[in-house]
PDB file of N, CA and C in Angstrom:
ATOM      1  N   MET A   1     -94.296 152.821  64.998  1.00  0.00           N
ATOM      2  CA  MET A   1     -94.393 153.124  66.413  1.00  0.00           C
ATOM      3  C   MET A   1     -93.684 152.014  67.187  1.00  0.00           C
ATOM      4  N   LYS A   2     -92.979 152.417  68.215  1.00  0.00           N
ATOM      5  CA  LYS A   2     -92.275 151.483  69.088  1.00  0.00           C
ATOM      6  C   LYS A   2     -93.047 151.381  70.398  1.00  0.00           C
ATOM      7  N   THR A   3     -92.783 150.325  71.163  1.00  0.00           N
ATOM      8  CA  THR A   3     -93.399 150.191  72.483  1.00  0.00           C
ATOM      9  C   THR A   3     -92.332 149.852  73.515  1.00  0.00           C
ATOM     10  N   VAL A   4     -92.602 150.248  74.744  1.00  0.00           N
ATOM     11  CA  VAL A   4     -91.748 149.909  75.874  1.00  0.00           C
ATOM     12  C   VAL A   4     -92.685 149.763  77.069  1.00  0.00           C
ATOM     13  N   ASN A   5     -92.377 148.806  77.950  1.00  0.00           N
ATOM     14  CA  ASN A   5     -93.212 148.697  79.152  1.00  0.00           C
ATOM     15  C   ASN A   5     -92.608 149.548  80.259  1.00  0.00           C
ATOM     16  N   VAL A   6     -93.385 149.798  81.288  1.00  0.00           N
ATOM     17  CA  VAL A   6     -92.957 150.691  82.368  1.00  0.00           C
ATOM     18  C   VAL A   6     -91.673 150.191  83.009  1.00  0.00           C
ATOM     19  N   SER A   7     -91.551 148.893  83.236  1.00  0.00           N
ATOM     20  CA  SER A   7     -90.331 148.379  83.866  1.00  0.00           C
ATOM     21  C   SER A   7     -89.126 148.589  82.962  1.00  0.00           C
ATOM     22  N   GLY A   8     -89.303 148.445  81.644  1.00  0.00           N
ATOM     23  CA  GLY A   8     -88.216 148.718  80.714  1.00  0.00           C
ATOM     24  C   GLY A   8     -87.838 150.187  80.717  1.00  0.00           C
ATOM     25  N   LEU A   9     -88.834 151.036  80.899  1.00  0.00           N
ATOM     26  CA  LEU A   9     -88.585 152.470  80.968  1.00  0.00           C
ATOM     27  C   LEU A   9     -87.787 152.819  82.219  1.00  0.00           C
ATOM     28  N   LYS A  10     -88.126 152.168  83.338  1.00  0.00           N
ATOM     29  CA  LYS A  10     -87.397 152.409  84.589  1.00  0.00           C
ATOM     30  C   LYS A  10     -85.966 151.891  84.501  1.00  0.00           C
ATOM     31  N   ASN A  11     -85.789 150.725  83.905  1.00  0.00           N
ATOM     32  CA  ASN A  11     -84.472 150.092  83.845  1.00  0.00           C
ATOM     33  C   ASN A  11     -83.537 150.751  82.834  1.00  0.00           C
ATOM     34  N   ASN A  12     -84.086 151.269  81.744  1.00  0.00           N
ATOM     35  CA  ASN A  12     -83.235 151.833  80.704  1.00  0.00           C
ATOM     36  C   ASN A  12     -83.938 153.003  80.011  1.00  0.00           C
ATOM     37  N   PRO A  13     -84.088 154.123  80.722  1.00  0.00           N
ATOM     38  CA  PRO A  13     -84.797 155.251  80.124  1.00  0.00           C
ATOM     39  C   PRO A  13     -84.099 155.823  78.893  1.00  0.00           C
ATOM     40  N   SER A  14     -82.772 155.733  78.845  1.00  0.00           N
ATOM     41  CA  SER A  14     -82.059 156.304  77.694  1.00  0.00           C
ATOM     42  C   SER A  14     -82.418 155.560  76.404  1.00  0.00           C
ATOM     43  N   GLU A  15     -82.697 154.267  76.489  1.00  0.00           N
ATOM     44  CA  GLU A  15     -83.095 153.505  75.299  1.00  0.00           C
ATOM     45  C   GLU A  15     -84.442 154.008  74.778  1.00  0.00           C
ATOM     46  N   ALA A  16     -85.380 154.251  75.688  1.00  0.00           N
ATOM     47  CA  ALA A  16     -86.691 154.769  75.277  1.00  0.00           C
ATOM     48  C   ALA A  16     -86.536 156.157  74.642  1.00  0.00           C
ATOM     49  N   LEU A  17     -85.665 156.989  75.200  1.00  0.00           N
ATOM     50  CA  LEU A  17     -85.435 158.311  74.615  1.00  0.00           C
ATOM     51  C   LEU A  17     -84.817 158.207  73.227  1.00  0.00           C
ATOM     52  N   ARG A  18     -83.885 157.284  73.055  1.00  0.00           N
ATOM     53  CA  ARG A  18     -83.289 157.065  71.733  1.00  0.00           C
ATOM     54  C   ARG A  18     -84.362 156.653  70.732  1.00  0.00           C
ATOM     55  N   MET A  19     -85.236 155.752  71.157  1.00  0.00           N
ATOM     56  CA  MET A  19     -86.328 155.314  70.274  1.00  0.00           C
ATOM     57  C   MET A  19     -87.250 156.487  69.937  1.00  0.00           C
ATOM     58  N   ALA A  20     -87.510 157.364  70.914  1.00  0.00           N
ATOM     59  CA  ALA A  20     -88.403 158.504  70.693  1.00  0.00           C
ATOM     60  C   ALA A  20     -87.810 159.509  69.712  1.00  0.00           C
ATOM     61  N   HIS A  21     -86.500 159.510  69.551  1.00  0.00           N
ATOM     62  CA  HIS A  21     -85.874 160.393  68.567  1.00  0.00           C
ATOM     63  C   HIS A  21     -86.177 159.922  67.150  1.00  0.00           C
ATOM     64  N   GLU A  22     -86.466 158.629  67.010  1.00  0.00           N
ATOM     65  CA  GLU A  22     -86.703 158.050  65.682  1.00  0.00           C
ATOM     66  C   GLU A  22     -88.187 157.892  65.362  1.00  0.00           C
ATOM     67  N   ASP A  23     -88.999 157.638  66.373  1.00  0.00           N
ATOM     68  CA  ASP A  23     -90.407 157.327  66.153  1.00  0.00           C
ATOM     69  C   ASP A  23     -91.177 157.560  67.447  1.00  0.00           C
ATOM     70  N   TRP A  24     -92.478 157.490  67.382  1.00  0.00           N
ATOM     71  CA  TRP A  24     -93.288 157.583  68.593  1.00  0.00           C
ATOM     72  C   TRP A  24     -93.085 156.332  69.424  1.00  0.00           C
ATOM     73  N   VAL A  25     -93.098 156.483  70.751  1.00  0.00           N
ATOM     74  CA  VAL A  25     -92.911 155.343  71.659  1.00  0.00           C
ATOM     75  C   VAL A  25     -94.126 155.279  72.580  1.00  0.00           C
ATOM     76  N   LEU A  26     -94.825 154.165  72.516  1.00  0.00           N
ATOM     77  CA  LEU A  26     -95.980 153.941  73.377  1.00  0.00           C
ATOM     78  C   LEU A  26     -95.517 153.215  74.635  1.00  0.00           C
ATOM     79  N   VAL A  27     -95.778 153.804  75.795  1.00  0.00           N
ATOM     80  CA  VAL A  27     -95.401 153.207  77.073  1.00  0.00           C
ATOM     81  C   VAL A  27     -96.585 152.383  77.559  1.00  0.00           C
ATOM     82  N   MET A  28     -96.332 151.110  77.784  1.00  0.00           N
ATOM     83  CA  MET A  28     -97.376 150.186  78.222  1.00  0.00           C
ATOM     84  C   MET A  28     -97.241 149.938  79.719  1.00  0.00           C
ATOM     85  N   ASN A  29     -98.369 149.884  80.401  1.00  0.00           N
ATOM     86  CA  ASN A  29     -98.406 149.592  81.831  1.00  0.00           C
ATOM     87  C   ASN A  29     -99.431 148.482  82.039  1.00  0.00           C
ATOM     88  N   ARG A  30     -98.944 147.303  82.413  1.00  0.00           N
ATOM     89  CA  ARG A  30     -99.810 146.132  82.604  1.00  0.00           C
ATOM     90  C   ARG A  30    -100.671 145.865  81.366  1.00  0.00           C
ATOM     91  N   ASN A  31    -100.014 145.832  80.236  1.00  0.00           N
ATOM     92  CA  ASN A  31    -100.641 145.542  78.949  1.00  0.00           C
ATOM     93  C   ASN A  31    -101.675 146.576  78.505  1.00  0.00           C
ATOM     94  N   GLU A  32    -101.622 147.767  79.080  1.00  0.00           N
ATOM     95  CA  GLU A  32    -102.508 148.857  78.688  1.00  0.00           C
ATOM     96  C   GLU A  32    -101.661 150.068  78.291  1.00  0.00           C
ATOM     97  N   PRO A  33    -102.043 150.770  77.229  1.00  0.00           N
ATOM     98  CA  PRO A  33    -101.322 151.993  76.873  1.00  0.00           C
ATOM     99  C   PRO A  33    -101.416 153.002  78.011  1.00  0.00           C
ATOM    100  N   ASP A  34    -100.282 153.610  78.355  1.00  0.00           N
ATOM    101  CA  ASP A  34    -100.245 154.532  79.489  1.00  0.00           C
ATOM    102  C   ASP A  34     -99.762 155.924  79.091  1.00  0.00           C
ATOM    103  N   ALA A  35     -98.795 156.000  78.190  1.00  0.00           N
ATOM    104  CA  ALA A  35     -98.234 157.297  77.803  1.00  0.00           C
ATOM    105  C   ALA A  35     -97.641 157.186  76.403  1.00  0.00           C
ATOM    106  N   LEU A  36     -97.447 158.335  75.798  1.00  0.00           N
ATOM    107  CA  LEU A  36     -96.852 158.390  74.479  1.00  0.00           C
ATOM    108  C   LEU A  36     -95.666 159.331  74.521  1.00  0.00           C
ATOM    109  N   MET A  37     -94.511 158.847  74.107  1.00  0.00           N
ATOM    110  CA  MET A  37     -93.295 159.669  74.059  1.00  0.00           C
ATOM    111  C   MET A  37     -93.040 160.053  72.604  1.00  0.00           C
ATOM    112  N   ILE A  38     -92.812 161.348  72.393  1.00  0.00           N
ATOM    113  CA  ILE A  38     -92.556 161.848  71.048  1.00  0.00           C
ATOM    114  C   ILE A  38     -91.328 162.746  71.110  1.00  0.00           C
ATOM    115  N   GLY A  39     -90.350 162.477  70.304  1.00  0.00           N
ATOM    116  CA  GLY A  39     -89.157 163.314  70.251  1.00  0.00           C
ATOM    117  C   GLY A  39     -89.486 164.672  69.645  1.00  0.00           C
ATOM    118  N   VAL A  40     -89.232 165.736  70.381  1.00  0.00           N
ATOM    119  CA  VAL A  40     -89.590 167.077  69.886  1.00  0.00           C
ATOM    120  C   VAL A  40     -88.802 167.455  68.640  1.00  0.00           C
ATOM    121  N   ASN A  41     -87.590 166.982  68.514  1.00  0.00           N
ATOM    122  CA  ASN A  41     -86.803 167.313  67.326  1.00  0.00           C
ATOM    123  C   ASN A  41     -87.334 166.600  66.089  1.00  0.00           C
ATOM    124  N   ALA A  42     -87.831 165.383  66.267  1.00  0.00           N
ATOM    125  CA  ALA A  42     -88.383 164.642  65.133  1.00  0.00           C
ATOM    126  C   ALA A  42     -89.600 165.355  64.552  1.00  0.00           C
ATOM    127  N   LEU A  43     -90.391 165.978  65.402  1.00  0.00           N
ATOM    128  CA  LEU A  43     -91.581 166.694  64.942  1.00  0.00           C
ATOM    129  C   LEU A  43     -91.281 168.137  64.543  1.00  0.00           C
ATOM    130  N   LYS A  44     -90.059 168.568  64.789  1.00  0.00           N
ATOM    131  CA  LYS A  44     -89.623 169.944  64.499  1.00  0.00           C
ATOM    132  C   LYS A  44     -90.472 170.973  65.244  1.00  0.00           C
ATOM    133  N   ILE A  45     -90.968 170.594  66.405  1.00  0.00           N
ATOM    134  CA  ILE A  45     -91.792 171.484  67.220  1.00  0.00           C
ATOM    135  C   ILE A  45     -90.982 172.689  67.673  1.00  0.00           C
ATOM    136  N   MET A  46     -89.750 172.452  68.066  1.00  0.00           N
ATOM    137  CA  MET A  46     -88.934 173.524  68.628  1.00  0.00           C
ATOM    138  C   MET A  46     -88.576 174.587  67.589  1.00  0.00           C
ATOM    139  N   ASP A  47     -88.722 174.268  66.304  1.00  0.00           N
ATOM    140  CA  ASP A  47     -88.419 175.230  65.242  1.00  0.00           C
ATOM    141  C   ASP A  47     -89.603 176.141  64.924  1.00  0.00           C
ATOM    142  N   MET A  48     -90.772 175.817  65.458  1.00  0.00           N
ATOM    143  CA  MET A  48     -91.960 176.634  65.183  1.00  0.00           C
ATOM    144  C   MET A  48     -91.853 177.963  65.934  1.00  0.00           C
ATOM    145  N   PRO A  49     -92.296 179.053  65.318  1.00  0.00           N
ATOM    146  CA  PRO A  49     -92.175 180.378  65.952  1.00  0.00           C
ATOM    147  C   PRO A  49     -92.856 180.427  67.326  1.00  0.00           C
ATOM    148  N   GLY A  50     -92.116 180.934  68.299  1.00  0.00           N
ATOM    149  CA  GLY A  50     -92.661 181.155  69.631  1.00  0.00           C
ATOM    150  C   GLY A  50     -92.692 179.958  70.552  1.00  0.00           C
ATOM    151  N   VAL A  51     -92.442 178.767  70.045  1.00  0.00           N
ATOM    152  CA  VAL A  51     -92.560 177.556  70.869  1.00  0.00           C
ATOM    153  C   VAL A  51     -91.491 177.525  71.952  1.00  0.00           C
ATOM    154  N   ARG A  52     -90.250 177.803  71.602  1.00  0.00           N
ATOM    155  CA  ARG A  52     -89.169 177.769  72.596  1.00  0.00           C
ATOM    156  C   ARG A  52     -89.453 178.734  73.747  1.00  0.00           C
ATOM    157  N   LYS A  53     -89.837 179.958  73.402  1.00  0.00           N
ATOM    158  CA  LYS A  53     -90.078 180.973  74.428  1.00  0.00           C
ATOM    159  C   LYS A  53     -91.289 180.597  75.280  1.00  0.00           C
ATOM    160  N   ALA A  54     -92.347 180.089  74.660  1.00  0.00           N
ATOM    161  CA  ALA A  54     -93.547 179.701  75.410  1.00  0.00           C
ATOM    162  C   ALA A  54     -93.250 178.535  76.352  1.00  0.00           C
ATOM    163  N   LEU A  55     -92.505 177.558  75.868  1.00  0.00           N
ATOM    164  CA  LEU A  55     -92.146 176.406  76.701  1.00  0.00           C
ATOM    165  C   LEU A  55     -91.249 176.845  77.855  1.00  0.00           C
ATOM    166  N   ALA A  56     -90.259 177.664  77.564  1.00  0.00           N
ATOM    167  CA  ALA A  56     -89.345 178.146  78.605  1.00  0.00           C
ATOM    168  C   ALA A  56     -90.090 178.980  79.640  1.00  0.00           C
ATOM    169  N   THR A  57     -91.005 179.811  79.187  1.00  0.00           N
ATOM    170  CA  THR A  57     -91.783 180.654  80.101  1.00  0.00           C
ATOM    171  C   THR A  57     -92.628 179.799  81.028  1.00  0.00           C
ATOM    172  N   SER A  58     -93.290 178.819  80.471  1.00  0.00           N
ATOM    173  CA  SER A  58     -94.138 177.935  81.273  1.00  0.00           C
ATOM    174  C   SER A  58     -93.325 177.146  82.292  1.00  0.00           C
ATOM    175  N   LEU A  59     -92.191 176.614  81.870  1.00  0.00           N
ATOM    176  CA  LEU A  59     -91.346 175.834  82.780  1.00  0.00           C
ATOM    177  C   LEU A  59     -90.767 176.708  83.885  1.00  0.00           C
ATOM    178  N   PHE A  60     -90.407 177.956  83.556  1.00  0.00           N
ATOM    179  CA  PHE A  60     -89.904 178.867  84.587  1.00  0.00           C
ATOM    180  C   PHE A  60     -91.014 179.233  85.563  1.00  0.00           C
ATOM    181  N   ARG A  61     -92.169 179.590  85.037  1.00  0.00           N
ATOM    182  CA  ARG A  61     -93.303 179.986  85.881  1.00  0.00           C
ATOM    183  C   ARG A  61     -93.666 178.873  86.875  1.00  0.00           C
ATOM    184  N   ASP A  62     -93.600 177.626  86.412  1.00  0.00           N
ATOM    185  CA  ASP A  62     -93.970 176.491  87.255  1.00  0.00           C
ATOM    186  C   ASP A  62     -92.837 176.014  88.157  1.00  0.00           C
ATOM    187  N   GLY A  63     -91.663 176.678  88.066  1.00  0.00           N
ATOM    188  CA  GLY A  63     -90.543 176.322  88.925  1.00  0.00           C
ATOM    189  C   GLY A  63     -89.780 175.086  88.479  1.00  0.00           C
ATOM    190  N   GLU A  64     -89.985 174.678  87.238  1.00  0.00           N
ATOM    191  CA  GLU A  64     -89.310 173.484  86.721  1.00  0.00           C
ATOM    192  C   GLU A  64     -87.924 173.779  86.178  1.00  0.00           C
ATOM    193  N   LEU A  65     -87.690 175.020  85.758  1.00  0.00           N
ATOM    194  CA  LEU A  65     -86.379 175.430  85.252  1.00  0.00           C
ATOM    195  C   LEU A  65     -85.972 176.732  85.913  1.00  0.00           C
ATOM    196  N   SER A  66     -84.681 176.898  86.095  1.00  0.00           N
ATOM    197  CA  SER A  66     -84.157 178.160  86.633  1.00  0.00           C
ATOM    198  C   SER A  66     -84.312 179.255  85.582  1.00  0.00           C
ATOM    199  N   LEU A  67     -84.099 180.466  86.013  1.00  0.00           N
ATOM    200  CA  LEU A  67     -84.182 181.615  85.107  1.00  0.00           C
ATOM    201  C   LEU A  67     -83.157 181.488  83.983  1.00  0.00           C
ATOM    202  N   ALA A  68     -81.923 181.153  84.339  1.00  0.00           N
ATOM    203  CA  ALA A  68     -80.858 181.048  83.329  1.00  0.00           C
ATOM    204  C   ALA A  68     -81.126 179.919  82.338  1.00  0.00           C
ATOM    205  N   ARG A  69     -81.555 178.777  82.838  1.00  0.00           N
ATOM    206  CA  ARG A  69     -81.845 177.655  81.927  1.00  0.00           C
ATOM    207  C   ARG A  69     -83.046 177.954  81.041  1.00  0.00           C
ATOM    208  N   SER A  70     -84.017 178.662  81.590  1.00  0.00           N
ATOM    209  CA  SER A  70     -85.190 179.038  80.795  1.00  0.00           C
ATOM    210  C   SER A  70     -84.791 179.976  79.671  1.00  0.00           C
ATOM    211  N   ALA A  71     -83.948 180.959  79.983  1.00  0.00           N
ATOM    212  CA  ALA A  71     -83.480 181.884  78.949  1.00  0.00           C
ATOM    213  C   ALA A  71     -82.717 181.136  77.866  1.00  0.00           C
ATOM    214  N   LYS A  72     -81.918 180.169  78.276  1.00  0.00           N
ATOM    215  CA  LYS A  72     -81.156 179.386  77.302  1.00  0.00           C
ATOM    216  C   LYS A  72     -82.099 178.572  76.416  1.00  0.00           C
ATOM    217  N   LEU A  73     -83.105 177.935  77.023  1.00  0.00           N
ATOM    218  CA  LEU A  73     -84.079 177.168  76.250  1.00  0.00           C
ATOM    219  C   LEU A  73     -84.814 178.078  75.270  1.00  0.00           C
ATOM    220  N   ALA A  74     -85.144 179.279  75.721  1.00  0.00           N
ATOM    221  CA  ALA A  74     -85.848 180.249  74.866  1.00  0.00           C
ATOM    222  C   ALA A  74     -84.937 180.817  73.788  1.00  0.00           C
ATOM    223  N   ASP A  75     -83.644 180.537  73.899  1.00  0.00           N
ATOM    224  CA  ASP A  75     -82.645 181.076  72.974  1.00  0.00           C
ATOM    225  C   ASP A  75     -82.705 182.604  72.970  1.00  0.00           C
ATOM    226  N   THR A  76     -82.775 183.141  74.207  1.00  0.00           N
ATOM    227  CA  THR A  76     -82.938 184.573  74.437  1.00  0.00           C
ATOM    228  C   THR A  76     -81.900 185.030  75.457  1.00  0.00           C
ATOM    229  N   PRO A  77     -81.291 186.187  75.265  1.00  0.00           N
ATOM    230  CA  PRO A  77     -80.382 186.696  76.296  1.00  0.00           C
ATOM    231  C   PRO A  77     -81.117 186.811  77.639  1.00  0.00           C
ATOM    232  N   LEU A  78     -80.399 186.565  78.723  1.00  0.00           N
ATOM    233  CA  LEU A  78     -81.000 186.545  80.054  1.00  0.00           C
ATOM    234  C   LEU A  78     -81.768 187.826  80.354  1.00  0.00           C
ATOM    235  N   ALA A  79     -81.186 188.985  80.064  1.00  0.00           N
ATOM    236  CA  ALA A  79     -81.862 190.255  80.346  1.00  0.00           C
ATOM    237  C   ALA A  79     -83.178 190.370  79.578  1.00  0.00           C
ATOM    238  N   ASP A  80     -83.190 189.905  78.332  1.00  0.00           N
ATOM    239  CA  ASP A  80     -84.424 189.948  77.531  1.00  0.00           C
ATOM    240  C   ASP A  80     -85.472 188.990  78.085  1.00  0.00           C
ATOM    241  N   PHE A  81     -85.020 187.824  78.568  1.00  0.00           N
ATOM    242  CA  PHE A  81     -85.974 186.860  79.129  1.00  0.00           C
ATOM    243  C   PHE A  81     -86.556 187.392  80.436  1.00  0.00           C
ATOM    244  N   ILE A  82     -85.731 188.053  81.237  1.00  0.00           N
ATOM    245  CA  ILE A  82     -86.221 188.675  82.479  1.00  0.00           C
ATOM    246  C   ILE A  82     -87.296 189.709  82.144  1.00  0.00           C
ATOM    247  N   ALA A  83     -87.046 190.534  81.148  1.00  0.00           N
ATOM    248  CA  ALA A  83     -88.029 191.538  80.742  1.00  0.00           C
ATOM    249  C   ALA A  83     -89.308 190.868  80.237  1.00  0.00           C
ATOM    250  N   HIS A  84     -89.149 189.789  79.484  1.00  0.00           N
ATOM    251  CA  HIS A  84     -90.297 189.051  78.935  1.00  0.00           C
ATOM    252  C   HIS A  84     -91.195 188.514  80.048  1.00  0.00           C
ATOM    253  N   VAL A  85     -90.615 187.791  81.010  1.00  0.00           N
ATOM    254  CA  VAL A  85     -91.451 187.218  82.072  1.00  0.00           C
ATOM    255  C   VAL A  85     -92.013 188.305  82.981  1.00  0.00           C
ATOM    256  N   SER A  86     -91.269 189.373  83.171  1.00  0.00           N
ATOM    257  CA  SER A  86     -91.765 190.483  83.983  1.00  0.00           C
ATOM    258  C   SER A  86     -92.994 191.118  83.346  1.00  0.00           C
ATOM    259  N   ARG A  87     -92.956 191.285  82.020  1.00  0.00           N
ATOM    260  CA  ARG A  87     -94.123 191.837  81.309  1.00  0.00           C
ATOM    261  C   ARG A  87     -95.347 190.947  81.481  1.00  0.00           C
ATOM    262  N   LEU A  88     -95.122 189.652  81.650  1.00  0.00           N
ATOM    263  CA  LEU A  88     -96.222 188.709  81.836  1.00  0.00           C
ATOM    264  C   LEU A  88     -96.679 188.621  83.288  1.00  0.00           C
ATOM    265  N   GLY A  89     -96.026 189.366  84.167  1.00  0.00           N
ATOM    266  CA  GLY A  89     -96.404 189.357  85.576  1.00  0.00           C
ATOM    267  C   GLY A  89     -95.860 188.168  86.348  1.00  0.00           C
ATOM    268  N   ILE A  90     -94.833 187.524  85.806  1.00  0.00           N
ATOM    269  CA  ILE A  90     -94.199 186.380  86.472  1.00  0.00           C
ATOM    270  C   ILE A  90     -93.026 186.908  87.281  1.00  0.00           C
ATOM    271  N   ALA A  91     -93.035 186.619  88.571  1.00  0.00           N
ATOM    272  CA  ALA A  91     -91.969 187.104  89.455  1.00  0.00           C
ATOM    273  C   ALA A  91     -90.636 186.469  89.074  1.00  0.00           C
ATOM    274  N   VAL A  92     -89.625 187.306  88.949  1.00  0.00           N
ATOM    275  CA  VAL A  92     -88.276 186.818  88.642  1.00  0.00           C
ATOM    276  C   VAL A  92     -87.610 186.312  89.917  1.00  0.00           C
ATOM    277  N   ILE A  93     -87.858 187.002  91.020  1.00  0.00           N
ATOM    278  CA  ILE A  93     -87.327 186.603  92.320  1.00  0.00           C
ATOM    279  C   ILE A  93     -88.512 186.259  93.197  1.00  0.00           C
ATOM    280  N   ASN A  94     -88.463 185.083  93.784  1.00  0.00           N
ATOM    281  CA  ASN A  94     -89.572 184.622  94.601  1.00  0.00           C
ATOM    282  C   ASN A  94     -89.058 184.355  96.009  1.00  0.00           C
ATOM    283  N   GLN A  95     -89.092 185.378  96.865  1.00  0.00           N
ATOM    284  CA  GLN A  95     -88.598 185.256  98.228  1.00  0.00           C
ATOM    285  C   GLN A  95     -89.639 185.796  99.201  1.00  0.00           C
ATOM    286  N   THR A  96     -89.590 185.267 100.412  1.00  0.00           N
ATOM    287  CA  THR A  96     -90.432 185.807 101.472  1.00  0.00           C
ATOM    288  C   THR A  96     -89.775 187.072 102.014  1.00  0.00           C
ATOM    289  N   ALA A  97     -90.532 187.836 102.794  1.00  0.00           N
ATOM    290  CA  ALA A  97     -89.986 189.054 103.399  1.00  0.00           C
ATOM    291  C   ALA A  97     -88.817 188.711 104.315  1.00  0.00           C
ATOM    292  N   ASP A  98     -88.904 187.589 105.042  1.00  0.00           N
ATOM    293  CA  ASP A  98     -87.800 187.178 105.927  1.00  0.00           C
ATOM    294  C   ASP A  98     -86.542 186.853 105.129  1.00  0.00           C
ATOM    295  N   GLU A  99     -86.703 186.187 103.993  1.00  0.00           N
ATOM    296  CA  GLU A  99     -85.547 185.853 103.163  1.00  0.00           C
ATOM    297  C   GLU A  99     -84.897 187.111 102.598  1.00  0.00           C
ATOM    298  N   VAL A 100     -85.711 188.069 102.191  1.00  0.00           N
ATOM    299  CA  VAL A 100     -85.173 189.331 101.690  1.00  0.00           C
ATOM    300  C   VAL A 100     -84.411 190.049 102.805  1.00  0.00           C
ATOM    301  N   GLN A 101     -84.981 190.062 104.009  1.00  0.00           N
ATOM    302  CA  GLN A 101     -84.314 190.717 105.137  1.00  0.00           C
ATOM    303  C   GLN A 101     -82.982 190.038 105.450  1.00  0.00           C
ATOM    304  N   GLN A 102     -82.936 188.710 105.414  1.00  0.00           N
ATOM    305  CA  GLN A 102     -81.683 187.987 105.641  1.00  0.00           C
ATOM    306  C   GLN A 102     -80.646 188.364 104.585  1.00  0.00           C
ATOM    307  N   ASP A 103     -81.081 188.459 103.339  1.00  0.00           N
ATOM    308  CA  ASP A 103     -80.159 188.858 102.269  1.00  0.00           C
ATOM    309  C   ASP A 103     -79.644 190.276 102.496  1.00  0.00           C
ATOM    310  N   MET A 104     -80.522 191.167 102.900  1.00  0.00           N
ATOM    311  CA  MET A 104     -80.115 192.546 103.162  1.00  0.00           C
ATOM    312  C   MET A 104     -79.146 192.620 104.348  1.00  0.00           C
ATOM    313  N   ASP A 105     -79.409 191.841 105.391  1.00  0.00           N
ATOM    314  CA  ASP A 105     -78.499 191.798 106.536  1.00  0.00           C
ATOM    315  C   ASP A 105     -77.127 191.271 106.126  1.00  0.00           C
ATOM    316  N   SER A 106     -77.110 190.225 105.305  1.00  0.00           N
ATOM    317  CA  SER A 106     -75.835 189.677 104.814  1.00  0.00           C
ATOM    318  C   SER A 106     -75.084 190.699 103.974  1.00  0.00           C
ATOM    319  N   LEU A 107     -75.818 191.427 103.139  1.00  0.00           N
ATOM    320  CA  LEU A 107     -75.191 192.456 102.313  1.00  0.00           C
ATOM    321  C   LEU A 107     -74.617 193.579 103.188  1.00  0.00           C
ATOM    322  N   ASP A 108     -75.389 194.020 104.163  1.00  0.00           N
ATOM    323  CA  ASP A 108     -74.900 195.061 105.093  1.00  0.00           C
ATOM    324  C   ASP A 108     -73.630 194.598 105.811  1.00  0.00           C
ATOM    325  N   GLN A 109     -73.624 193.352 106.254  1.00  0.00           N
ATOM    326  CA  GLN A 109     -72.462 192.809 106.953  1.00  0.00           C
ATOM    327  C   GLN A 109     -71.256 192.754 106.026  1.00  0.00           C
ATOM    328  N   TRP A 110     -71.465 192.319 104.812  1.00  0.00           N
ATOM    329  CA  TRP A 110     -70.377 192.222 103.831  1.00  0.00           C
ATOM    330  C   TRP A 110     -69.832 193.616 103.524  1.00  0.00           C
ATOM    331  N   LEU A 111     -70.729 194.591 103.320  1.00  0.00           N
ATOM    332  CA  LEU A 111     -70.288 195.952 103.006  1.00  0.00           C
ATOM    333  C   LEU A 111     -69.532 196.600 104.150  1.00  0.00           C
ATOM    334  N   SER A 112     -69.905 196.278 105.389  1.00  0.00           N
ATOM    335  CA  SER A 112     -69.227 196.881 106.539  1.00  0.00           C
ATOM    336  C   SER A 112     -67.816 196.311 106.743  1.00  0.00           C
ATOM    337  N   GLN A 113     -67.507 195.183 106.153  1.00  0.00           N
ATOM    338  CA  GLN A 113     -66.176 194.579 106.294  1.00  0.00           C
ATOM    339  C   GLN A 113     -65.155 195.244 105.372  1.00  0.00           C
ATOM    340  N   GLY A 114     -65.624 195.926 104.347  1.00  0.00           N
ATOM    341  CA  GLY A 114     -64.745 196.483 103.337  1.00  0.00           C
ATOM    342  C   GLY A 114     -64.145 197.750 103.757  1.00  0.00           C
TER     343      GLY A 114
END
């Protein structure tokens, strides 16, 4: 196990990530353990059935990843990922009624120019 302190993590996060690819990294804060970094590839977590899709779904649902990036993480075609999250009741498009109306007005304006 490797250790890094919080200031070292702030100053050189890529070094901590490199260490996490090889071994677990314990992040220390004022001489107390604060967090544990584990490289997902080292544990082969991403190779386990369903993990990629579950992680991508959760990150998309929470707004941490876009739809396209989530589909890529899930290693799923975009249309299939859209169907997947829709089946789970997760909105693919999250807009207010005013935003939808603005989009419709823009579309009407664009179509009338043609």
